[in-house]
Structure formats: C-alpha cells, structure tokens
C-alpha cells in the first residue's frame, strides 16, 4: 500500500469542485428495483489501494445493504500505486475517500480544501517487517541498519530528527524478493499484509507496529470542504453506514464482504483474509482499545492536536493549523465521540 503524498499535480486556486455524480437525479420509472434506485443518492468512494480486507468494512456495508438503508448508492473505486486519493476527492472525481491522516493534514497545510470526518483505523497499520533471527523490538533497533521504506514518510522523519536514530534508506518497492534473500534486511510493511506473504514463502518473520504513544496517525475517511457544505447529510449517512459495516465485518460474519472482495481480487487466498482480519483485531487497529476509551470511527481533538504539533515541529506542514482546519466531529455518531 502506498500513501497519497504527491500534491504537485494539484492546481491552485482550485476550480469549483464537481458535485455528486448523479446526486438528486431520478431515473425513469420502471420496475421496483429501478424505482428503488431512483430514490438513492449516488456517490463515489475512493480507496487508497487495490481491494483488500483493510477495506472490508466498506464492502460489508455495500454487501449487506447498509448504504442502501441510508439512501445511498455507493460505488467503491479501487486505488493503487497512482490512486491520488486526495486529488480525486478535492477535484470531485470522488466524493469521499480514505487515506492516512498525516497525508490529509499535510494536504490542508498546502491549501487543499479537505476535512477528516471519521477514523477508519485508530492507528495506522504501517510497521517494520523483520526476520525473527534479526528481531526489531523497538524503533531504536533500526539504528545503523539498512531499511527499505517510503521516502518522505513522517515516521522516518520522526525517528531520525526527534530520536536521533540513523539508518540507510532504500526506496520502497512492492516486492519481498530482497527481504526473502537477506535475513538481516528489514522493510516497511503493513502488519495486516506483508507478514502473511513472507510466511507463505517460508520465512519466519515478525512485525513491529510503527504507531506508538506520541505518534499515532489515524487512517481516516475524508471529503472536500465544498461537498461537506453542500451535502452534510450524505456525509453523515456514509459515515454511519461505514462504521456499522466495520463493526459487523470484524465482529460478525465477514463472508459477505469477503465474497465481494474476492470477486475483485481473485489472486488473494482465503487464508489471507483470515490473517488480515485477525491482525486488525490483534493490533486493535479499527475497533480501538477499550482500555484507552477508543471506539470505531472516533476522532479526538486531543490526539489531532498532538499530531498537528508534531508535524509542525518536524517541519512537515507548511503552516500552523488548528484542529478545526483539518477535521470535523459533527458527523460522528454519538457513541463514537
């Protein structure tokens, strides 16, 4: 998975953003299904990567009709290496998207009119993949090593600038070949993903979650300021149905979403879905840690304020920002606040 950190393609000032594709349109009367569809508001939701269990809650909401119950006809757009999620939402190609919360903050600091509306994950799933013969128990264990990671990632700047940890950095590629051939090699991963495929190929591996107290970026649902002003109820309904979908996906039977995902990604084995779901539970990524008062979908001003201060301290953001510049809490269900 690759985050959407390329903003140079965005033009300033922005032209007026496109409205919902089909929002408010009525299809010609016909049979019952056509009549039902006519009453739905059509929106496009852009994901950050190819369909996978890390998007399972949205597919569960789609498969079980949670979006339709809210009056929404949601099309989930798959991402990929060049998805440009934030660009797509800012320019109206999609109405809502999901990505790393750091990326949204950086985009807003550069003038992109976006707002976080809910958390998909309470902490980002990025981690460090290592061989158990050469364990990484703490980020400080990276000192002096060579690591393959995404250049420009906030966590790299954090450990190098704030903690004084030095390591050689190689560009991240979507391949485990070098890792599999060198037991001293470490690389950035998603704890829900690459460990499975490394083990499938015979490696004994572990993964260290990069997120820790003091640096816990959300993965978020976000939209444009323009869409938020014009269609607040659509955003509210999408957030409510998506949270419901995630709770059902991880707390109930994930088969409906998995069936949709496998139709789009026939290359993924059944075992991978089980692994990824269990990892999301073990690391408490989505549903959060009850002992810390975390809940699915929750965004808190305190955590966002900490994140804003950190990014400014690291000079990642280009200007000072307030919490209300980057997020709104009015679309969260009462039990997620």
Protein backbone atom coordinates (compact mmCIF):
# COMPACT_ATOMS: atom_id res chain seq x y z
CA UNK A 1 0.00 0.00 0.00
CA UNK A 2 1.27 3.46 -0.87
CA UNK A 3 0.02 6.68 0.65
CA UNK A 4 -1.07 9.63 -1.46
CA UNK A 5 1.73 12.13 -0.76
CA UNK A 6 2.04 13.66 -4.26
CA UNK A 7 0.37 17.03 -4.25
CA UNK A 8 2.30 18.75 -7.03
CA UNK A 9 -0.36 17.77 -9.53
CA UNK A 10 -2.96 19.88 -7.70
CA UNK A 11 -3.57 23.33 -9.17
CA UNK A 12 -4.20 26.36 -7.02
CA UNK A 13 -6.53 28.06 -6.68
CA UNK A 14 -8.98 25.24 -7.21
CA UNK A 15 -11.73 25.46 -9.67
CA UNK A 16 -15.22 24.82 -8.36
CA UNK A 17 -15.48 21.24 -7.23
CA UNK A 18 -17.78 18.83 -9.03
CA UNK A 19 -20.99 17.85 -7.34
CA UNK A 20 -22.13 14.36 -6.63
CA UNK A 21 -22.26 12.17 -9.68
CA UNK A 22 -25.97 11.61 -10.08
CA UNK A 23 -26.84 13.22 -6.74
CA UNK A 24 -30.51 14.06 -6.77
CA UNK A 25 -31.10 12.59 -10.24
CA UNK A 26 -34.13 10.45 -10.83
CA UNK A 27 -34.08 7.51 -13.17
CA UNK A 28 -37.11 6.83 -15.37
CA UNK A 29 -39.90 4.90 -13.64
CA UNK A 30 -39.90 1.19 -14.21
CA UNK A 31 -39.83 -1.94 -12.17
CA UNK A 32 -39.40 -1.95 -8.38
CA UNK A 33 -35.61 -2.12 -8.47
CA UNK A 34 -35.42 0.86 -10.81
CA UNK A 35 -37.79 2.80 -8.56
CA UNK A 36 -35.66 1.96 -5.52
CA UNK A 37 -32.52 3.09 -7.31
CA UNK A 38 -34.17 6.36 -8.29
CA UNK A 39 -34.55 7.27 -4.63
CA UNK A 40 -30.87 6.72 -3.83
CA UNK A 41 -28.13 9.35 -3.78
CA UNK A 42 -25.18 8.17 -5.84
CA UNK A 43 -21.65 8.81 -4.55
CA UNK A 44 -18.18 7.52 -5.31
CA UNK A 45 -15.86 6.42 -2.54
CA UNK A 46 -12.14 6.26 -3.38
CA UNK A 47 -9.92 3.75 -1.55
CA UNK A 48 -6.16 4.04 -1.31
CA UNK A 49 -5.22 0.63 -2.67
CA UNK A 50 -6.48 -2.40 -4.54
CA UNK A 51 -9.47 -4.14 -2.87
CA UNK A 52 -8.34 -5.99 0.27
CA UNK A 53 -9.54 -6.86 3.78
CA UNK A 54 -8.26 -3.49 5.07
CA UNK A 55 -11.29 -2.10 3.19
CA UNK A 56 -13.58 -4.83 4.46
CA UNK A 57 -15.97 -2.65 6.44
CA UNK A 58 -16.94 -0.64 3.39
CA UNK A 59 -17.54 -3.77 1.35
CA UNK A 60 -19.57 -5.23 4.22
CA UNK A 61 -21.76 -2.13 4.23
CA UNK A 62 -22.15 -2.48 0.48
CA UNK A 63 -22.84 -6.24 0.52
CA UNK A 64 -25.34 -6.15 3.39
CA UNK A 65 -27.20 -3.10 2.16
CA UNK A 66 -26.23 -0.70 4.96
CA UNK A 67 -25.58 2.10 2.47
CA UNK A 68 -28.89 1.47 0.72
CA UNK A 69 -30.69 1.62 4.06
CA UNK A 70 -29.26 5.12 4.42
CA UNK A 71 -30.49 6.05 0.95
CA UNK A 72 -27.05 5.85 -0.67
CA UNK A 73 -25.90 4.14 -3.84
CA UNK A 74 -22.16 3.86 -3.17
CA UNK A 75 -19.59 2.94 -5.80
CA UNK A 76 -16.26 1.89 -4.29
CA UNK A 77 -13.39 2.94 -6.54
CA UNK A 78 -10.26 0.79 -6.17
CA UNK A 79 -6.94 2.52 -5.64
CA UNK A 80 -3.40 1.52 -6.46
CA UNK A 81 0.12 2.96 -6.73
CA UNK A 82 -1.12 6.07 -8.56
CA UNK A 83 -4.55 6.41 -6.99
CA UNK A 84 -4.11 10.09 -5.98
CA UNK A 85 -6.96 9.73 -3.50
CA UNK A 86 -6.88 13.29 -2.18
CA UNK A 87 -6.62 14.81 -5.63
CA UNK A 88 -9.64 12.81 -6.73
CA UNK A 89 -11.76 13.95 -3.79
CA UNK A 90 -10.58 17.58 -3.96
CA UNK A 91 -11.49 17.82 -7.64
CA UNK A 92 -14.78 15.93 -7.39
CA UNK A 93 -13.88 12.69 -9.17
CA UNK A 94 -14.92 11.02 -5.92
CA UNK A 95 -16.97 12.50 -3.10
CA UNK A 96 -15.36 10.70 -0.14
CA UNK A 97 -12.00 8.97 0.25
CA UNK A 98 -9.81 7.22 2.77
CA UNK A 99 -6.10 7.55 3.49
CA UNK A 100 -3.54 8.22 6.23
CA UNK A 101 -4.46 11.13 8.49
CA UNK A 102 -0.96 12.61 8.22
CA UNK A 103 -1.44 12.99 4.49
CA UNK A 104 -4.69 14.91 4.90
CA UNK A 105 -3.04 17.28 7.38
CA UNK A 106 -0.12 17.92 5.03
CA UNK A 107 -2.50 18.49 2.12
CA UNK A 108 -4.55 21.02 4.11
CA UNK A 109 -1.35 22.84 5.08
CA UNK A 110 -0.68 23.23 1.36
CA UNK A 111 -4.10 24.68 0.66
CA UNK A 112 -6.08 21.60 -0.36
CA UNK A 113 -9.67 22.03 0.93
CA UNK A 114 -10.27 18.73 2.72
CA UNK A 115 -11.68 17.61 6.08
CA UNK A 116 -11.44 14.37 8.03
CA UNK A 117 -14.91 13.20 9.05
CA UNK A 118 -14.22 9.88 10.83
CA UNK A 119 -11.46 7.42 11.57
CA UNK A 120 -11.24 4.14 9.72
CA UNK A 121 -8.40 2.94 11.94
CA UNK A 122 -7.43 4.26 15.35
CA UNK A 123 -3.80 3.84 14.37
CA UNK A 124 -2.11 3.31 11.05
CA UNK A 125 -1.24 -0.26 10.08
CA UNK A 126 2.28 0.57 8.87
CA UNK A 127 5.00 -1.48 10.50
CA UNK A 128 8.52 -2.85 10.22
CA UNK A 129 8.87 -6.36 8.77
CA UNK A 130 11.85 -8.32 10.10
CA UNK A 131 13.22 -11.83 10.26
CA UNK A 132 12.92 -13.39 13.71
CA UNK A 133 16.63 -14.23 13.52
CA UNK A 134 17.25 -10.46 13.42
CA UNK A 135 14.40 -9.01 15.52
CA UNK A 136 13.34 -5.38 15.75
CA UNK A 137 11.76 -4.94 19.17
CA UNK A 138 11.83 -1.14 19.18
CA UNK A 139 12.36 1.59 16.61
CA UNK A 140 15.76 2.24 18.18
CA UNK A 141 16.84 -1.19 16.93
CA UNK A 142 16.83 0.32 13.43
CA UNK A 143 19.93 2.35 14.28
CA UNK A 144 22.74 1.53 11.84
CA UNK A 145 20.58 -0.80 9.71
CA UNK A 146 19.55 -0.57 6.09
CA UNK A 147 15.79 -0.34 5.69
CA UNK A 148 13.55 -0.24 2.64
CA UNK A 149 10.82 2.31 3.30
CA UNK A 150 8.77 5.05 1.73
CA UNK A 151 10.90 8.17 1.38
CA UNK A 152 9.23 11.17 2.97
CA UNK A 153 7.17 9.11 5.42
CA UNK A 154 6.51 11.07 8.59
CA UNK A 155 7.67 8.25 10.83
CA UNK A 156 11.10 8.28 9.17
CA UNK A 157 11.50 11.97 9.89
CA UNK A 158 10.29 11.37 13.43
CA UNK A 159 12.84 8.68 14.33
CA UNK A 160 15.71 10.45 12.56
CA UNK A 161 15.08 14.01 13.73
CA UNK A 162 13.47 13.56 17.14
CA UNK A 163 15.02 10.32 18.33
CA UNK A 164 18.38 10.63 16.58
CA UNK A 165 18.14 7.15 15.03
CA UNK A 166 20.22 6.83 11.87
CA UNK A 167 19.80 4.19 9.19
CA UNK A 168 20.38 3.75 5.48
CA UNK A 169 17.21 4.18 3.46
CA UNK A 170 16.35 2.32 0.26
CA UNK A 171 13.29 3.20 -1.87
CA UNK A 172 10.27 1.07 -1.09
CA UNK A 173 9.19 -1.32 -3.85
CA UNK A 174 6.23 -3.67 -3.81
CA UNK A 175 8.34 -6.80 -3.73
CA UNK A 176 9.59 -9.15 -1.00
CA UNK A 177 12.47 -10.55 -3.07
CA UNK A 178 15.31 -8.76 -1.32
CA UNK A 179 13.77 -9.32 2.08
CA UNK A 180 13.44 -13.05 1.46
CA UNK A 181 17.09 -13.34 0.39
CA UNK A 182 18.66 -11.49 3.34
CA UNK A 183 17.82 -12.30 6.95
CA UNK A 184 19.34 -9.01 8.09
CA UNK A 185 17.13 -6.99 5.78
CA UNK A 186 14.17 -5.03 7.18
CA UNK A 187 11.48 -3.15 5.34
CA UNK A 188 8.37 -1.11 5.85
CA UNK A 189 5.16 -3.10 5.64
CA UNK A 190 1.55 -3.19 6.62
CA UNK A 191 1.16 -5.51 9.60
CA UNK A 192 -2.08 -6.73 8.04
CA UNK A 193 -0.43 -7.72 4.77
CA UNK A 194 3.24 -8.49 4.02
CA UNK A 195 3.89 -10.74 7.05
CA UNK A 196 1.38 -13.22 5.64
CA UNK A 197 3.06 -13.46 2.25
CA UNK A 198 6.55 -13.69 3.76
CA UNK A 199 5.43 -16.60 5.95
CA UNK A 200 3.67 -18.18 3.00
CA UNK A 201 7.06 -18.23 1.27
CA UNK A 202 8.71 -19.93 4.22
CA UNK A 203 10.23 -17.06 6.19
CA UNK A 204 9.98 -16.79 9.97
CA UNK A 205 9.07 -13.16 10.44
CA UNK A 206 7.71 -10.65 12.88
CA UNK A 207 6.29 -7.16 12.51
CA UNK A 208 6.63 -4.10 14.72
CA UNK A 209 3.80 -1.58 14.54
CA UNK A 210 5.29 1.87 13.97
CA UNK A 211 2.48 3.67 15.81
CA UNK A 212 3.19 4.31 19.49
CA UNK A 213 2.04 6.80 22.14
CA UNK A 214 3.06 10.22 20.89
CA UNK A 215 2.82 9.17 17.25
CA UNK A 216 -0.46 7.54 16.30
CA UNK A 217 -1.76 8.77 13.00
CA UNK A 218 -5.35 7.84 12.23
CA UNK A 219 -6.41 6.32 8.94
CA UNK A 220 -9.40 8.42 8.03
CA UNK A 221 -12.47 8.98 5.91
CA UNK A 222 -12.40 12.47 4.44
CA UNK A 223 -14.21 14.69 2.00
CA UNK A 224 -13.84 18.11 0.40
CA UNK A 225 -14.95 21.29 2.16
CA UNK A 226 -17.27 22.02 -0.76
CA UNK A 227 -19.03 18.66 -0.61
CA UNK A 228 -19.28 18.95 3.16
CA UNK A 229 -21.07 22.30 2.85
CA UNK A 230 -23.43 21.18 0.12
CA UNK A 231 -24.24 17.63 1.25
CA UNK A 232 -23.75 17.27 5.03
CA UNK A 233 -26.47 14.64 5.37
CA UNK A 234 -24.88 12.46 2.69
CA UNK A 235 -21.61 12.55 4.63
CA UNK A 236 -23.41 11.74 7.88
CA UNK A 237 -25.17 8.75 6.31
CA UNK A 238 -21.98 7.46 4.71
CA UNK A 239 -20.06 7.66 7.99
CA UNK A 240 -22.87 5.97 9.91
CA UNK A 241 -23.22 3.09 7.43
CA UNK A 242 -19.44 2.62 7.14
CA UNK A 243 -18.96 2.41 10.91
CA UNK A 244 -21.79 -0.10 11.03
CA UNK A 245 -20.12 -2.08 8.24
CA UNK A 246 -16.76 -2.19 10.04
CA UNK A 247 -18.28 -3.30 13.33
CA UNK A 248 -20.21 -6.02 11.53
CA UNK A 249 -17.19 -7.10 9.45
CA UNK A 250 -14.89 -7.55 12.43
CA UNK A 251 -17.48 -8.56 14.99
CA UNK A 252 -19.75 -10.75 12.89
CA UNK A 253 -19.55 -12.87 9.76
CA UNK A 254 -17.17 -11.24 7.23
CA UNK A 255 -18.26 -13.58 4.40
CA UNK A 256 -20.45 -11.06 2.51
CA UNK A 257 -17.64 -8.51 2.18
CA UNK A 258 -15.02 -11.17 1.50
CA UNK A 259 -17.10 -12.55 -1.35
CA UNK A 260 -17.22 -9.11 -2.98
CA UNK A 261 -13.51 -8.56 -2.40
CA UNK A 262 -12.56 -11.94 -3.86
CA UNK A 263 -14.56 -11.22 -7.00
CA UNK A 264 -12.35 -8.18 -7.48
CA UNK A 265 -9.15 -9.83 -6.21
CA UNK A 266 -9.15 -13.48 -7.18
CA UNK A 267 -5.39 -13.59 -6.50
CA UNK A 268 -5.90 -13.38 -2.73
CA UNK A 269 -6.22 -16.74 -0.91
CA UNK A 270 -8.86 -17.39 1.74
CA UNK A 271 -6.13 -17.66 4.39
CA UNK A 272 -5.04 -14.11 3.73
CA UNK A 273 -8.47 -12.73 4.61
CA UNK A 274 -8.41 -14.59 7.92
CA UNK A 275 -4.87 -13.35 8.64
CA UNK A 276 -5.63 -9.73 7.85
CA UNK A 277 -8.84 -9.68 9.90
CA UNK A 278 -7.05 -11.23 12.87
CA UNK A 279 -4.21 -8.70 12.59
CA UNK A 280 -6.70 -5.83 12.66
CA UNK A 281 -8.14 -7.33 15.83
CA UNK A 282 -4.80 -8.17 17.49
CA UNK A 283 -3.36 -4.69 16.92
CA UNK A 284 -6.74 -3.09 17.75
CA UNK A 285 -6.45 -1.02 14.62
CA UNK A 286 -10.08 -0.48 13.70
CA UNK A 287 -12.28 -1.06 16.74
CA UNK A 288 -9.70 0.55 19.03
CA UNK A 289 -8.53 -0.23 22.55
CA UNK A 290 -11.42 -0.06 25.06
CA UNK A 291 -8.97 0.49 27.92
CA UNK A 292 -7.98 3.76 26.25
CA UNK A 293 -11.59 4.73 25.57
CA UNK A 294 -11.20 4.18 21.82
CA UNK A 295 -14.16 3.36 19.60
CA UNK A 296 -14.69 2.63 15.93
CA UNK A 297 -14.77 5.84 13.91
CA UNK A 298 -13.62 8.02 16.77
CA UNK A 299 -11.53 11.14 16.21
CA UNK A 300 -10.46 13.18 19.23
CA UNK A 301 -9.34 16.82 19.31
CA UNK A 302 -6.54 15.96 21.76
CA UNK A 303 -4.92 13.38 19.51
CA UNK A 304 -5.25 15.56 16.44
CA UNK A 305 -3.73 18.50 18.30
CA UNK A 306 -0.75 16.31 19.28
CA UNK A 307 -0.38 15.26 15.65
CA UNK A 308 -0.53 18.83 14.37
CA UNK A 309 2.17 19.95 16.81
CA UNK A 310 4.41 17.02 15.88
CA UNK A 311 4.12 17.61 12.14
CA UNK A 312 4.84 21.30 12.57
CA UNK A 313 7.83 20.54 14.80
CA UNK A 314 9.20 18.22 12.11
CA UNK A 315 8.51 20.93 9.52
CA UNK A 316 6.32 18.54 7.55
CA UNK A 317 3.46 21.03 7.40
CA UNK A 318 3.93 24.37 5.72
CA UNK A 319 1.92 26.49 8.15
CA UNK A 320 0.32 26.34 11.58
CA UNK A 321 -3.05 24.61 11.63
CA UNK A 322 -5.90 24.32 14.10
CA UNK A 323 -7.81 21.09 14.68
CA UNK A 324 -10.90 22.61 13.05
CA UNK A 325 -8.86 23.27 9.91
CA UNK A 326 -8.34 19.55 9.32
CA UNK A 327 -11.28 17.74 10.91
CA UNK A 328 -14.91 17.97 11.90
CA UNK A 329 -16.56 15.86 14.60
CA UNK A 330 -20.20 16.63 13.83
CA UNK A 331 -20.69 13.58 11.60
CA UNK A 332 -19.61 11.01 14.16
CA UNK A 333 -22.37 9.00 15.81
CA UNK A 334 -22.84 9.92 19.48
CA UNK A 335 -21.30 6.64 20.67
CA UNK A 336 -18.12 7.33 18.64
CA UNK A 337 -17.37 10.67 20.31
